[in-house]
Amino acid sequence: MEGFDLLSEAMKSYTPNFNYILFDVSTFSDADILGPIELRLSFTALRDIHSDDPKILKQMIYHAIDVIYTVDMKDVA
């Protein structure tokens, strides 16, 4: 961070130090996206949201609704 060396030691302790990993989910297939359902739905939406094909977007939305309904019904049972 530019100017970090100019901060006092007291102020440096309040400066966050983030670590992160970037994933390009645009190349992931449905079989590649694993984990909890919320994560799978999020990654699928991130992958498909930039599609120019309305059929893909429609399919993604219907799939998400179906999965959420299925999960919700399991909670009721």
N, C-alpha and C. Protein backbone atom coordinates (compact mmCIF):
# COMPACT_ATOMS: atom_id res chain seq x y z
N MET A 1 0.85 -1.17 0.00
CA MET A 1 0.00 0.00 0.00
C MET A 1 0.89 1.23 0.00
N GLU A 2 0.61 2.11 -0.91
CA GLU A 2 1.39 3.33 -1.01
C GLU A 2 1.18 4.19 0.24
N GLY A 3 2.27 4.65 0.85
CA GLY A 3 2.21 5.49 2.03
C GLY A 3 2.14 4.73 3.34
N PHE A 4 2.12 3.40 3.27
CA PHE A 4 2.02 2.60 4.50
C PHE A 4 3.20 2.88 5.43
N ASP A 5 4.38 3.06 4.86
CA ASP A 5 5.57 3.32 5.68
C ASP A 5 5.48 4.64 6.43
N LEU A 6 4.64 5.54 5.98
CA LEU A 6 4.50 6.84 6.62
C LEU A 6 3.58 6.82 7.84
N LEU A 7 2.81 5.75 7.98
CA LEU A 7 1.89 5.64 9.11
C LEU A 7 2.64 5.34 10.40
N SER A 8 2.07 5.81 11.51
CA SER A 8 2.65 5.48 12.81
C SER A 8 2.39 4.00 13.09
N GLU A 9 3.14 3.42 14.00
CA GLU A 9 2.97 2.01 14.36
C GLU A 9 1.56 1.77 14.90
N ALA A 10 1.03 2.74 15.64
CA ALA A 10 -0.33 2.60 16.18
C ALA A 10 -1.36 2.51 15.05
N MET A 11 -1.20 3.32 14.02
CA MET A 11 -2.13 3.31 12.89
C MET A 11 -1.95 2.06 12.02
N LYS A 12 -0.74 1.56 11.92
CA LYS A 12 -0.49 0.36 11.10
C LYS A 12 -1.27 -0.84 11.64
N SER A 13 -1.48 -0.89 12.94
CA SER A 13 -2.20 -2.03 13.52
C SER A 13 -3.67 -2.05 13.11
N TYR A 14 -4.21 -0.92 12.65
CA TYR A 14 -5.60 -0.86 12.19
C TYR A 14 -5.75 -1.05 10.69
N THR A 15 -4.66 -1.26 9.99
CA THR A 15 -4.70 -1.44 8.54
C THR A 15 -4.94 -2.92 8.24
N PRO A 16 -6.03 -3.23 7.53
CA PRO A 16 -6.32 -4.64 7.24
C PRO A 16 -5.29 -5.25 6.29
N ASN A 17 -5.08 -6.52 6.44
CA ASN A 17 -4.18 -7.27 5.58
C ASN A 17 -5.00 -8.44 5.03
N PHE A 18 -5.51 -8.28 3.81
CA PHE A 18 -6.37 -9.30 3.22
C PHE A 18 -5.59 -10.25 2.33
N ASN A 19 -5.99 -11.50 2.39
CA ASN A 19 -5.50 -12.51 1.45
C ASN A 19 -6.72 -13.02 0.69
N TYR A 20 -6.59 -13.25 -0.59
CA TYR A 20 -7.71 -13.71 -1.37
C TYR A 20 -7.22 -14.57 -2.53
N ILE A 21 -8.15 -15.36 -3.03
CA ILE A 21 -7.89 -16.21 -4.18
C ILE A 21 -8.97 -15.90 -5.22
N LEU A 22 -8.56 -15.69 -6.45
CA LEU A 22 -9.51 -15.42 -7.52
C LEU A 22 -9.73 -16.69 -8.35
N PHE A 23 -10.99 -16.96 -8.66
CA PHE A 23 -11.35 -18.09 -9.49
C PHE A 23 -12.07 -17.58 -10.73
N ASP A 24 -11.72 -18.13 -11.88
CA ASP A 24 -12.47 -17.86 -13.10
C ASP A 24 -13.48 -18.98 -13.26
N VAL A 25 -14.70 -18.75 -12.78
CA VAL A 25 -15.72 -19.80 -12.80
C VAL A 25 -16.37 -19.95 -14.17
N SER A 26 -16.01 -19.07 -15.11
CA SER A 26 -16.63 -19.14 -16.43
C SER A 26 -16.29 -20.43 -17.17
N THR A 27 -15.22 -21.09 -16.78
CA THR A 27 -14.81 -22.33 -17.45
C THR A 27 -15.28 -23.58 -16.70
N PHE A 28 -15.93 -23.41 -15.55
CA PHE A 28 -16.36 -24.56 -14.74
C PHE A 28 -17.61 -25.19 -15.35
N SER A 29 -17.64 -26.51 -15.37
CA SER A 29 -18.86 -27.22 -15.75
C SER A 29 -19.68 -27.42 -14.48
N ASP A 30 -20.93 -27.86 -14.65
CA ASP A 30 -21.76 -28.15 -13.47
C ASP A 30 -21.10 -29.19 -12.58
N ALA A 31 -20.43 -30.17 -13.19
CA ALA A 31 -19.76 -31.23 -12.42
C ALA A 31 -18.56 -30.70 -11.64
N ASP A 32 -17.97 -29.60 -12.12
CA ASP A 32 -16.81 -29.01 -11.43
C ASP A 32 -17.20 -28.19 -10.21
N ILE A 33 -18.45 -27.74 -10.16
CA ILE A 33 -18.90 -26.86 -9.07
C ILE A 33 -19.45 -27.74 -7.95
N LEU A 34 -18.67 -27.84 -6.88
CA LEU A 34 -19.02 -28.69 -5.75
C LEU A 34 -19.18 -27.85 -4.49
N GLY A 35 -19.72 -28.45 -3.45
CA GLY A 35 -19.84 -27.76 -2.18
C GLY A 35 -21.28 -27.59 -1.77
N PRO A 36 -21.49 -26.76 -0.75
CA PRO A 36 -22.86 -26.51 -0.28
C PRO A 36 -23.72 -25.91 -1.40
N ILE A 37 -25.01 -26.13 -1.31
CA ILE A 37 -25.92 -25.71 -2.37
C ILE A 37 -25.84 -24.21 -2.63
N GLU A 38 -25.67 -23.42 -1.58
CA GLU A 38 -25.59 -21.97 -1.75
C GLU A 38 -24.38 -21.59 -2.61
N LEU A 39 -23.26 -22.27 -2.37
CA LEU A 39 -22.04 -22.01 -3.14
C LEU A 39 -22.22 -22.44 -4.59
N ARG A 40 -22.82 -23.61 -4.79
CA ARG A 40 -23.03 -24.10 -6.16
C ARG A 40 -23.95 -23.16 -6.94
N LEU A 41 -25.02 -22.70 -6.32
CA LEU A 41 -25.93 -21.78 -7.00
C LEU A 41 -25.23 -20.45 -7.31
N SER A 42 -24.44 -19.97 -6.37
CA SER A 42 -23.72 -18.70 -6.59
C SER A 42 -22.72 -18.82 -7.73
N PHE A 43 -21.92 -19.88 -7.73
CA PHE A 43 -20.93 -20.07 -8.79
C PHE A 43 -21.60 -20.27 -10.15
N THR A 44 -22.71 -21.01 -10.17
CA THR A 44 -23.42 -21.21 -11.43
C THR A 44 -23.96 -19.89 -11.95
N ALA A 45 -24.51 -19.07 -11.06
CA ALA A 45 -25.01 -17.75 -11.47
C ALA A 45 -23.88 -16.88 -11.97
N LEU A 46 -22.74 -16.88 -11.27
CA LEU A 46 -21.60 -16.08 -11.72
C LEU A 46 -21.08 -16.56 -13.07
N ARG A 47 -21.13 -17.85 -13.29
CA ARG A 47 -20.66 -18.41 -14.56
C ARG A 47 -21.59 -18.02 -15.71
N ASP A 48 -22.90 -18.10 -15.47
CA ASP A 48 -23.87 -17.96 -16.56
C ASP A 48 -24.40 -16.54 -16.75
N ILE A 49 -24.20 -15.65 -15.81
CA ILE A 49 -24.83 -14.34 -15.84
C ILE A 49 -24.38 -13.49 -17.03
N HIS A 50 -23.18 -13.72 -17.54
CA HIS A 50 -22.67 -12.93 -18.65
C HIS A 50 -22.96 -13.55 -20.01
N SER A 51 -23.76 -14.59 -20.03
CA SER A 51 -24.10 -15.25 -21.29
C SER A 51 -24.98 -14.34 -22.14
N ASP A 52 -24.73 -14.36 -23.43
CA ASP A 52 -25.57 -13.61 -24.37
C ASP A 52 -26.78 -14.43 -24.81
N ASP A 53 -26.80 -15.70 -24.43
CA ASP A 53 -27.88 -16.59 -24.82
C ASP A 53 -28.99 -16.58 -23.77
N PRO A 54 -30.16 -16.03 -24.09
CA PRO A 54 -31.24 -15.97 -23.11
C PRO A 54 -31.69 -17.34 -22.62
N LYS A 55 -31.51 -18.37 -23.46
CA LYS A 55 -31.89 -19.72 -23.05
C LYS A 55 -31.04 -20.20 -21.87
N ILE A 56 -29.76 -19.86 -21.88
CA ILE A 56 -28.87 -20.26 -20.78
C ILE A 56 -29.27 -19.54 -19.50
N LEU A 57 -29.57 -18.25 -19.61
CA LEU A 57 -29.99 -17.49 -18.43
C LEU A 57 -31.30 -18.03 -17.87
N LYS A 58 -32.24 -18.31 -18.75
CA LYS A 58 -33.53 -18.86 -18.32
C LYS A 58 -33.34 -20.21 -17.64
N GLN A 59 -32.51 -21.05 -18.21
CA GLN A 59 -32.23 -22.37 -17.63
C GLN A 59 -31.60 -22.22 -16.26
N MET A 60 -30.66 -21.28 -16.10
CA MET A 60 -30.00 -21.06 -14.82
C MET A 60 -31.00 -20.60 -13.76
N ILE A 61 -31.87 -19.70 -14.14
CA ILE A 61 -32.86 -19.18 -13.18
C ILE A 61 -33.83 -20.29 -12.76
N TYR A 62 -34.34 -21.05 -13.72
CA TYR A 62 -35.26 -22.14 -13.39
C TYR A 62 -34.58 -23.21 -12.54
N HIS A 63 -33.33 -23.50 -12.85
CA HIS A 63 -32.59 -24.48 -12.05
C HIS A 63 -32.43 -23.99 -10.61
N ALA A 64 -32.08 -22.73 -10.43
CA ALA A 64 -31.91 -22.17 -9.09
C ALA A 64 -33.22 -22.23 -8.31
N ILE A 65 -34.32 -21.87 -8.96
CA ILE A 65 -35.63 -21.92 -8.30
C ILE A 65 -35.97 -23.35 -7.91
N ASP A 66 -35.71 -24.30 -8.80
CA ASP A 66 -35.99 -25.70 -8.52
C ASP A 66 -35.17 -26.20 -7.33
N VAL A 67 -33.90 -25.86 -7.30
CA VAL A 67 -33.03 -26.30 -6.20
C VAL A 67 -33.47 -25.67 -4.89
N ILE A 68 -33.76 -24.38 -4.90
CA ILE A 68 -34.20 -23.70 -3.68
C ILE A 68 -35.50 -24.30 -3.18
N TYR A 69 -36.43 -24.58 -4.08
CA TYR A 69 -37.70 -25.21 -3.69
C TYR A 69 -37.46 -26.59 -3.09
N THR A 70 -36.58 -27.38 -3.72
CA THR A 70 -36.28 -28.72 -3.22
C THR A 70 -35.66 -28.67 -1.83
N VAL A 71 -34.72 -27.76 -1.64
CA VAL A 71 -34.06 -27.62 -0.33
C VAL A 71 -35.09 -27.16 0.70
N ASP A 72 -35.94 -26.22 0.32
CA ASP A 72 -36.96 -25.71 1.24
C ASP A 72 -37.92 -26.81 1.65
N MET A 73 -38.31 -27.67 0.72
CA MET A 73 -39.24 -28.74 1.03
C MET A 73 -38.59 -29.78 1.95
N LYS A 74 -37.28 -29.98 1.84
CA LYS A 74 -36.60 -30.90 2.74
C LYS A 74 -36.59 -30.36 4.16
N ASP A 75 -36.51 -29.02 4.30
CA ASP A 75 -36.54 -28.41 5.62
C ASP A 75 -37.92 -28.56 6.26
N VAL A 76 -38.96 -28.57 5.45
CA VAL A 76 -40.33 -28.69 5.95
C VAL A 76 -40.59 -30.12 6.41
N ALA A 77 -40.04 -31.09 5.71
CA ALA A 77 -40.30 -32.51 6.00
C ALA A 77 -39.69 -32.97 7.29
